[in-house]
């Protein structure tokens, strides 16, 4: 999820709240985005994330029904999402990974050296202040990256 573009997901969450006849709201519902983390050289970390992004965008669900592909499209990566999915479903997983734009990884993951991760956490902290997210589910973390993130948000 891109914390600067919460409305892409938020509109659907709020539609669900409306269908719940006032029984649900951000006060009693935890939006818990999954945020992959890779700390180190930014370019290396970006490349390391691409196979996971290709799997989700290209291979999670049917061609006509893939939440992650739809989300990449809503972020503005329509052409890339189509290419990634076509390659992945054709069994060309490495090529699909290479088709994942660096900027898409950067928008949806915390990648790079500690100072960059701290900088990118600011958008998540601002979104947290709105009350629209509750839990940040961090993926691919190690002890050092947990320490950096915890020291920044606590």
N, C-alpha and C. Protein backbone atom coordinates (compact mmCIF):
# COMPACT_ATOMS: atom_id res chain seq x y z
N UNK A 1 0.84 -1.18 0.00
CA UNK A 1 0.00 0.00 0.00
C UNK A 1 0.88 1.23 0.00
N UNK A 2 0.48 2.22 -0.74
CA UNK A 2 1.17 3.51 -0.74
C UNK A 2 0.47 4.39 0.29
N UNK A 3 1.18 4.80 1.36
CA UNK A 3 0.53 5.59 2.41
C UNK A 3 0.08 6.97 1.94
N UNK A 4 0.66 7.46 0.85
CA UNK A 4 0.26 8.77 0.33
C UNK A 4 -1.01 8.70 -0.52
N UNK A 5 -1.45 7.48 -0.82
CA UNK A 5 -2.64 7.30 -1.67
C UNK A 5 -3.64 6.38 -0.98
N UNK A 6 -3.88 6.64 0.31
CA UNK A 6 -4.78 5.81 1.09
C UNK A 6 -6.17 5.72 0.47
N UNK A 7 -6.62 6.79 -0.17
CA UNK A 7 -7.98 6.83 -0.70
C UNK A 7 -8.27 5.69 -1.68
N UNK A 8 -7.25 5.15 -2.32
CA UNK A 8 -7.46 4.04 -3.25
C UNK A 8 -8.07 2.85 -2.52
N UNK A 9 -7.62 2.62 -1.31
CA UNK A 9 -8.18 1.54 -0.49
C UNK A 9 -9.31 2.08 0.38
N UNK A 10 -9.10 3.27 0.91
CA UNK A 10 -10.05 3.86 1.85
C UNK A 10 -11.46 3.97 1.31
N UNK A 11 -11.61 4.27 0.04
CA UNK A 11 -12.96 4.39 -0.52
C UNK A 11 -13.72 3.08 -0.40
N UNK A 12 -13.02 1.95 -0.57
CA UNK A 12 -13.68 0.65 -0.47
C UNK A 12 -13.98 0.29 0.99
N UNK A 13 -13.07 0.65 1.88
CA UNK A 13 -13.30 0.42 3.30
C UNK A 13 -14.54 1.21 3.74
N UNK A 14 -14.62 2.46 3.33
CA UNK A 14 -15.75 3.30 3.72
C UNK A 14 -17.06 2.84 3.10
N UNK A 15 -17.01 2.28 1.90
CA UNK A 15 -18.22 1.69 1.31
C UNK A 15 -18.69 0.51 2.16
N UNK A 16 -17.74 -0.27 2.64
CA UNK A 16 -18.08 -1.38 3.53
C UNK A 16 -18.68 -0.89 4.83
N UNK A 17 -18.14 0.18 5.38
CA UNK A 17 -18.72 0.76 6.60
C UNK A 17 -20.17 1.17 6.36
N UNK A 18 -20.43 1.79 5.21
CA UNK A 18 -21.78 2.24 4.90
C UNK A 18 -22.75 1.05 4.82
N UNK A 19 -22.28 -0.07 4.29
CA UNK A 19 -23.13 -1.25 4.19
C UNK A 19 -23.38 -1.89 5.55
N UNK A 20 -22.54 -1.57 6.53
CA UNK A 20 -22.68 -2.14 7.88
C UNK A 20 -23.65 -1.33 8.73
N UNK A 21 -24.36 -0.39 8.12
CA UNK A 21 -25.38 0.40 8.81
C UNK A 21 -24.87 1.07 10.08
N UNK A 22 -23.69 1.65 9.99
CA UNK A 22 -23.16 2.40 11.13
C UNK A 22 -22.52 1.56 12.22
N UNK A 23 -22.46 0.26 12.02
CA UNK A 23 -21.86 -0.61 13.05
C UNK A 23 -20.35 -0.67 12.95
N UNK A 24 -19.80 -0.26 11.83
CA UNK A 24 -18.35 -0.28 11.64
C UNK A 24 -17.86 1.12 11.32
N UNK A 25 -16.64 1.40 11.80
CA UNK A 25 -15.96 2.66 11.50
C UNK A 25 -14.48 2.44 11.73
N UNK A 26 -13.69 3.44 11.44
CA UNK A 26 -12.26 3.32 11.70
C UNK A 26 -11.99 3.15 13.19
N UNK A 27 -12.94 3.52 14.04
CA UNK A 27 -12.76 3.36 15.48
C UNK A 27 -12.79 1.90 15.93
N UNK A 28 -13.49 1.04 15.17
CA UNK A 28 -13.59 -0.36 15.59
C UNK A 28 -13.21 -1.34 14.48
N UNK A 29 -12.43 -0.86 13.53
CA UNK A 29 -11.98 -1.69 12.42
C UNK A 29 -10.50 -1.39 12.18
N UNK A 30 -9.68 -2.40 12.13
CA UNK A 30 -8.24 -2.21 11.97
C UNK A 30 -7.82 -2.42 10.52
N UNK A 31 -7.49 -1.34 9.84
CA UNK A 31 -6.88 -1.44 8.52
C UNK A 31 -5.41 -1.72 8.78
N UNK A 32 -4.94 -2.88 8.34
CA UNK A 32 -3.59 -3.34 8.66
C UNK A 32 -2.80 -3.62 7.38
N UNK A 33 -2.22 -2.59 6.77
CA UNK A 33 -1.48 -2.80 5.53
C UNK A 33 -0.20 -3.62 5.74
N UNK A 34 0.09 -4.48 4.77
CA UNK A 34 1.33 -5.25 4.74
C UNK A 34 2.38 -4.40 4.05
N UNK A 35 3.49 -4.18 4.73
CA UNK A 35 4.56 -3.35 4.18
C UNK A 35 5.86 -4.16 4.20
N UNK A 36 6.34 -4.58 3.03
CA UNK A 36 7.61 -5.29 3.00
C UNK A 36 8.78 -4.35 3.29
N UNK A 37 9.79 -4.87 3.95
CA UNK A 37 10.94 -4.08 4.36
C UNK A 37 12.22 -4.76 3.88
N UNK A 38 13.13 -3.96 3.34
CA UNK A 38 14.46 -4.45 3.00
C UNK A 38 15.45 -3.32 3.26
N UNK A 39 16.31 -3.52 4.25
CA UNK A 39 17.24 -2.47 4.63
C UNK A 39 18.62 -2.78 4.05
N UNK A 40 19.20 -1.79 3.41
CA UNK A 40 20.52 -1.92 2.80
C UNK A 40 20.60 -1.01 1.59
N UNK A 41 21.43 -1.37 0.64
CA UNK A 41 21.57 -0.61 -0.59
C UNK A 41 20.22 -0.54 -1.31
N UNK A 42 19.77 0.66 -1.65
CA UNK A 42 18.43 0.84 -2.22
C UNK A 42 18.24 0.04 -3.51
N UNK A 43 19.20 0.08 -4.41
CA UNK A 43 19.05 -0.63 -5.67
C UNK A 43 18.99 -2.15 -5.46
N UNK A 44 19.86 -2.65 -4.59
CA UNK A 44 19.85 -4.08 -4.29
C UNK A 44 18.52 -4.48 -3.65
N UNK A 45 18.05 -3.68 -2.69
CA UNK A 45 16.78 -3.98 -2.00
C UNK A 45 15.60 -3.94 -2.97
N UNK A 46 15.62 -3.00 -3.89
CA UNK A 46 14.55 -2.91 -4.90
C UNK A 46 14.51 -4.19 -5.73
N UNK A 47 15.67 -4.61 -6.21
CA UNK A 47 15.72 -5.83 -7.02
C UNK A 47 15.29 -7.05 -6.21
N UNK A 48 15.65 -7.09 -4.95
CA UNK A 48 15.29 -8.23 -4.10
C UNK A 48 13.78 -8.32 -3.88
N UNK A 49 13.10 -7.20 -3.93
CA UNK A 49 11.64 -7.17 -3.72
C UNK A 49 10.85 -7.55 -4.96
N UNK A 50 11.42 -7.37 -6.12
CA UNK A 50 10.67 -7.54 -7.37
C UNK A 50 10.03 -8.92 -7.56
N UNK A 51 10.68 -10.02 -7.21
CA UNK A 51 10.01 -11.32 -7.39
C UNK A 51 8.72 -11.43 -6.57
N UNK A 52 8.71 -10.89 -5.35
CA UNK A 52 7.50 -10.92 -4.54
C UNK A 52 6.39 -10.07 -5.19
N UNK A 53 6.76 -8.88 -5.65
CA UNK A 53 5.78 -8.02 -6.31
C UNK A 53 5.24 -8.71 -7.56
N UNK A 54 6.11 -9.37 -8.31
CA UNK A 54 5.66 -10.08 -9.53
C UNK A 54 4.68 -11.19 -9.17
N UNK A 55 4.97 -11.92 -8.11
CA UNK A 55 4.07 -12.99 -7.67
C UNK A 55 2.69 -12.42 -7.35
N UNK A 56 2.65 -11.37 -6.57
CA UNK A 56 1.36 -10.81 -6.16
C UNK A 56 0.63 -10.17 -7.35
N UNK A 57 1.31 -9.34 -8.11
CA UNK A 57 0.67 -8.64 -9.22
C UNK A 57 0.35 -9.59 -10.37
N UNK A 58 1.20 -10.58 -10.57
CA UNK A 58 1.03 -11.46 -11.72
C UNK A 58 0.33 -12.76 -11.45
N UNK A 59 0.48 -13.30 -10.24
CA UNK A 59 0.02 -14.66 -10.04
C UNK A 59 -0.96 -14.90 -8.92
N UNK A 60 -1.42 -13.87 -8.25
CA UNK A 60 -2.34 -14.07 -7.13
C UNK A 60 -3.78 -13.87 -7.60
N UNK A 61 -4.39 -14.95 -7.99
CA UNK A 61 -5.77 -14.88 -8.46
C UNK A 61 -5.84 -15.11 -9.96
N UNK A 62 -7.06 -15.11 -10.42
CA UNK A 62 -7.30 -15.29 -11.86
C UNK A 62 -6.92 -14.01 -12.60
N UNK A 63 -6.70 -14.13 -13.89
CA UNK A 63 -6.34 -12.97 -14.69
C UNK A 63 -7.38 -11.85 -14.55
N UNK A 64 -8.63 -12.22 -14.43
CA UNK A 64 -9.69 -11.22 -14.35
C UNK A 64 -9.99 -10.78 -12.92
N UNK A 65 -9.38 -11.44 -11.93
CA UNK A 65 -9.71 -11.11 -10.53
C UNK A 65 -8.46 -11.25 -9.67
N UNK A 66 -7.66 -10.19 -9.64
CA UNK A 66 -6.43 -10.17 -8.86
C UNK A 66 -6.37 -8.81 -8.17
N UNK A 67 -6.60 -8.80 -6.87
CA UNK A 67 -6.62 -7.56 -6.09
C UNK A 67 -5.33 -6.76 -6.27
N UNK A 68 -4.20 -7.42 -6.23
CA UNK A 68 -2.91 -6.73 -6.28
C UNK A 68 -2.65 -6.14 -7.66
N UNK A 69 -3.08 -6.84 -8.69
CA UNK A 69 -2.97 -6.31 -10.04
C UNK A 69 -3.85 -5.08 -10.17
N UNK A 70 -5.07 -5.19 -9.66
CA UNK A 70 -5.98 -4.04 -9.70
C UNK A 70 -5.39 -2.86 -8.94
N UNK A 71 -4.78 -3.13 -7.79
CA UNK A 71 -4.21 -2.05 -6.99
C UNK A 71 -3.05 -1.37 -7.73
N UNK A 72 -2.18 -2.16 -8.36
CA UNK A 72 -1.08 -1.58 -9.13
C UNK A 72 -1.63 -0.69 -10.24
N UNK A 73 -2.69 -1.13 -10.87
CA UNK A 73 -3.32 -0.31 -11.91
C UNK A 73 -3.85 1.00 -11.34
N UNK A 74 -4.50 0.92 -10.17
CA UNK A 74 -5.06 2.12 -9.55
C UNK A 74 -3.97 3.08 -9.09
N UNK A 75 -2.78 2.55 -8.86
CA UNK A 75 -1.65 3.42 -8.52
C UNK A 75 -1.07 4.11 -9.75
N UNK A 76 -1.52 3.70 -10.93
CA UNK A 76 -1.04 4.32 -12.16
C UNK A 76 -0.10 3.45 -12.98
N UNK A 77 -0.01 2.19 -12.65
CA UNK A 77 0.89 1.27 -13.34
C UNK A 77 0.11 0.28 -14.20
N UNK A 78 -0.85 0.77 -14.98
CA UNK A 78 -1.72 -0.10 -15.77
C UNK A 78 -0.93 -0.98 -16.73
N UNK A 79 -0.07 -0.36 -17.51
CA UNK A 79 0.68 -1.11 -18.53
C UNK A 79 1.62 -2.13 -17.88
N UNK A 80 2.32 -1.70 -16.83
CA UNK A 80 3.23 -2.61 -16.14
C UNK A 80 2.47 -3.78 -15.52
N UNK A 81 1.32 -3.50 -14.92
CA UNK A 81 0.53 -4.56 -14.28
C UNK A 81 0.10 -5.60 -15.31
N UNK A 82 -0.30 -5.15 -16.47
CA UNK A 82 -0.70 -6.09 -17.53
C UNK A 82 0.48 -6.92 -18.00
N UNK A 83 1.61 -6.27 -18.20
CA UNK A 83 2.81 -6.98 -18.65
C UNK A 83 3.27 -8.00 -17.62
N UNK A 84 3.32 -7.58 -16.36
CA UNK A 84 3.75 -8.48 -15.28
C UNK A 84 2.85 -9.71 -15.23
N UNK A 85 1.54 -9.48 -15.29
CA UNK A 85 0.60 -10.60 -15.20
C UNK A 85 0.74 -11.53 -16.40
N UNK A 86 0.84 -10.97 -17.59
CA UNK A 86 0.97 -11.82 -18.78
C UNK A 86 2.23 -12.67 -18.70
N UNK A 87 3.35 -12.06 -18.33
CA UNK A 87 4.60 -12.81 -18.22
C UNK A 87 4.52 -13.88 -17.14
N UNK A 88 3.98 -13.51 -16.00
CA UNK A 88 3.91 -14.44 -14.88
C UNK A 88 3.04 -15.65 -15.23
N UNK A 89 1.88 -15.37 -15.80
CA UNK A 89 0.97 -16.46 -16.14
C UNK A 89 1.49 -17.33 -17.28
N UNK A 90 2.42 -16.78 -18.07
CA UNK A 90 3.08 -17.56 -19.12
C UNK A 90 4.28 -18.33 -18.58
N UNK A 91 4.49 -18.28 -17.26
CA UNK A 91 5.60 -19.01 -16.65
C UNK A 91 6.93 -18.29 -16.71
N UNK A 92 6.93 -17.04 -17.14
CA UNK A 92 8.17 -16.26 -17.27
C UNK A 92 8.34 -15.39 -16.02
N UNK A 93 8.59 -16.05 -14.90
CA UNK A 93 8.61 -15.36 -13.61
C UNK A 93 9.76 -14.38 -13.47
N UNK A 94 10.93 -14.72 -13.98
CA UNK A 94 12.06 -13.79 -13.91
C UNK A 94 11.79 -12.54 -14.74
N UNK A 95 11.25 -12.73 -15.92
CA UNK A 95 10.92 -11.59 -16.77
C UNK A 95 9.83 -10.74 -16.13
N UNK A 96 8.87 -11.39 -15.49
CA UNK A 96 7.81 -10.66 -14.79
C UNK A 96 8.41 -9.81 -13.68
N UNK A 97 9.36 -10.38 -12.93
CA UNK A 97 10.00 -9.63 -11.85
C UNK A 97 10.74 -8.42 -12.40
N UNK A 98 11.43 -8.61 -13.50
CA UNK A 98 12.17 -7.49 -14.10
C UNK A 98 11.24 -6.41 -14.65
N UNK A 99 9.99 -6.76 -14.92
CA UNK A 99 9.02 -5.79 -15.43
C UNK A 99 8.40 -4.94 -14.33
N UNK A 100 8.64 -5.28 -13.08
CA UNK A 100 8.10 -4.50 -11.96
C UNK A 100 8.86 -3.18 -11.89
N UNK A 101 8.18 -2.05 -12.02
CA UNK A 101 8.87 -0.75 -11.97
C UNK A 101 9.50 -0.49 -10.60
N UNK A 102 10.71 0.04 -10.62
CA UNK A 102 11.38 0.41 -9.37
C UNK A 102 10.49 1.34 -8.54
N UNK A 103 9.84 2.27 -9.20
CA UNK A 103 9.02 3.25 -8.49
C UNK A 103 7.83 2.60 -7.77
N UNK A 104 7.29 1.53 -8.33
CA UNK A 104 6.19 0.82 -7.66
C UNK A 104 6.69 0.17 -6.38
N UNK A 105 7.84 -0.46 -6.44
CA UNK A 105 8.43 -1.04 -5.23
C UNK A 105 8.65 0.05 -4.19
N UNK A 106 9.20 1.16 -4.63
CA UNK A 106 9.50 2.26 -3.71
C UNK A 106 8.25 2.83 -3.07
N UNK A 107 7.15 2.87 -3.80
CA UNK A 107 5.90 3.40 -3.26
C UNK A 107 5.30 2.51 -2.17
N UNK A 108 5.50 1.21 -2.31
CA UNK A 108 4.76 0.26 -1.47
C UNK A 108 5.62 -0.53 -0.49
N UNK A 109 6.90 -0.25 -0.43
CA UNK A 109 7.80 -0.97 0.48
C UNK A 109 8.70 0.04 1.18
N UNK A 110 9.26 -0.38 2.28
CA UNK A 110 10.28 0.41 2.96
C UNK A 110 11.62 -0.19 2.58
N UNK A 111 12.35 0.52 1.72
CA UNK A 111 13.60 -0.02 1.20
C UNK A 111 14.71 1.01 1.31
N UNK A 112 15.93 0.51 1.47
CA UNK A 112 17.10 1.37 1.48
C UNK A 112 17.81 1.36 2.81
N UNK A 113 18.76 2.27 2.97
CA UNK A 113 19.51 2.35 4.23
C UNK A 113 18.61 2.88 5.35
N UNK A 114 19.05 2.73 6.59
CA UNK A 114 18.21 3.13 7.73
C UNK A 114 17.65 4.55 7.64
N UNK A 115 18.46 5.51 7.25
CA UNK A 115 17.98 6.90 7.18
C UNK A 115 16.85 7.06 6.17
N UNK A 116 16.93 6.34 5.06
CA UNK A 116 15.87 6.41 4.04
C UNK A 116 14.59 5.76 4.55
N UNK A 117 14.73 4.65 5.26
CA UNK A 117 13.55 3.99 5.82
C UNK A 117 12.89 4.91 6.83
N UNK A 118 13.66 5.57 7.66
CA UNK A 118 13.10 6.53 8.63
C UNK A 118 12.35 7.65 7.90
N UNK A 119 12.95 8.13 6.83
CA UNK A 119 12.31 9.19 6.03
C UNK A 119 10.99 8.72 5.44
N UNK A 120 10.98 7.50 4.88
CA UNK A 120 9.77 6.97 4.25
C UNK A 120 8.70 6.62 5.29
N UNK A 121 9.09 6.38 6.53
CA UNK A 121 8.12 6.11 7.60
C UNK A 121 7.29 7.34 7.94
N UNK A 122 7.75 8.51 7.58
CA UNK A 122 7.02 9.73 7.92
C UNK A 122 5.61 9.73 7.32
N UNK A 123 5.49 9.24 6.10
CA UNK A 123 4.15 9.18 5.47
C UNK A 123 3.23 8.24 6.24
N UNK A 124 3.78 7.12 6.72
CA UNK A 124 2.97 6.20 7.52
C UNK A 124 2.57 6.84 8.84
N UNK A 125 3.47 7.59 9.45
CA UNK A 125 3.15 8.26 10.71
C UNK A 125 2.06 9.31 10.51
N UNK A 126 2.12 10.02 9.40
CA UNK A 126 1.07 11.01 9.10
C UNK A 126 -0.28 10.33 8.87
N UNK A 127 -0.27 9.24 8.15
CA UNK A 127 -1.52 8.50 7.91
C UNK A 127 -2.07 7.96 9.23
N UNK A 128 -1.20 7.49 10.09
CA UNK A 128 -1.63 6.98 11.40
C UNK A 128 -2.36 8.06 12.20
N UNK A 129 -1.92 9.30 12.08
CA UNK A 129 -2.56 10.40 12.82
C UNK A 129 -4.02 10.61 12.40
N UNK A 130 -4.38 10.15 11.20
CA UNK A 130 -5.75 10.32 10.73
C UNK A 130 -6.71 9.29 11.33
N UNK A 131 -6.15 8.24 11.93
CA UNK A 131 -6.98 7.18 12.51
C UNK A 131 -7.49 6.17 11.50
N UNK A 132 -6.99 6.22 10.28
CA UNK A 132 -7.51 5.32 9.24
C UNK A 132 -6.71 4.02 9.11
N UNK A 133 -5.56 3.92 9.78
CA UNK A 133 -4.85 2.65 9.83
C UNK A 133 -4.58 2.34 11.30
N UNK A 134 -4.45 1.06 11.59
CA UNK A 134 -4.20 0.68 12.97
C UNK A 134 -2.89 -0.05 13.14
N UNK A 135 -2.69 -1.08 12.36
CA UNK A 135 -1.53 -1.94 12.51
C UNK A 135 -0.74 -1.94 11.21
N UNK A 136 0.55 -1.77 11.31
CA UNK A 136 1.43 -1.91 10.16
C UNK A 136 2.04 -3.31 10.24
N UNK A 137 1.72 -4.14 9.27
CA UNK A 137 2.25 -5.50 9.24
C UNK A 137 3.52 -5.47 8.41
N UNK A 138 4.65 -5.63 9.08
CA UNK A 138 5.94 -5.54 8.40
C UNK A 138 6.37 -6.92 7.94
N UNK A 139 6.77 -7.02 6.68
CA UNK A 139 7.22 -8.29 6.14
C UNK A 139 8.69 -8.25 5.80
N UNK A 140 9.32 -9.40 5.88
CA UNK A 140 10.72 -9.56 5.49
C UNK A 140 11.65 -8.79 6.42
N UNK A 141 11.25 -8.58 7.66
CA UNK A 141 12.07 -7.79 8.58
C UNK A 141 13.10 -8.65 9.31
N UNK A 142 14.18 -8.02 9.65
CA UNK A 142 15.18 -8.66 10.50
C UNK A 142 15.30 -7.81 11.76
N UNK A 143 16.11 -8.25 12.69
CA UNK A 143 16.22 -7.56 13.98
C UNK A 143 16.64 -6.10 13.82
N UNK A 144 17.59 -5.84 12.94
CA UNK A 144 18.08 -4.46 12.76
C UNK A 144 16.99 -3.56 12.18
N UNK A 145 16.26 -4.04 11.18
CA UNK A 145 15.22 -3.19 10.58
C UNK A 145 14.07 -2.98 11.57
N UNK A 146 13.75 -3.99 12.38
CA UNK A 146 12.72 -3.80 13.41
C UNK A 146 13.16 -2.73 14.39
N UNK A 147 14.43 -2.78 14.78
CA UNK A 147 14.95 -1.79 15.73
C UNK A 147 14.87 -0.37 15.15
N UNK A 148 15.28 -0.20 13.90
CA UNK A 148 15.23 1.11 13.24
C UNK A 148 13.79 1.62 13.19
N UNK A 149 12.87 0.77 12.76
CA UNK A 149 11.46 1.16 12.63
C UNK A 149 10.85 1.45 14.00
N UNK A 150 11.10 0.59 14.97
CA UNK A 150 10.54 0.79 16.32
C UNK A 150 11.04 2.09 16.93
N UNK A 151 12.32 2.37 16.78
CA UNK A 151 12.87 3.61 17.34
C UNK A 151 12.27 4.84 16.67
N UNK A 152 11.85 4.70 15.43
CA UNK A 152 11.27 5.84 14.71
C UNK A 152 9.81 6.06 15.05
N UNK A 153 9.07 5.00 15.29
CA UNK A 153 7.62 5.15 15.50
C UNK A 153 7.19 5.15 16.97
N UNK A 154 8.03 4.68 17.84
CA UNK A 154 7.64 4.64 19.26
C UNK A 154 8.07 5.87 20.00
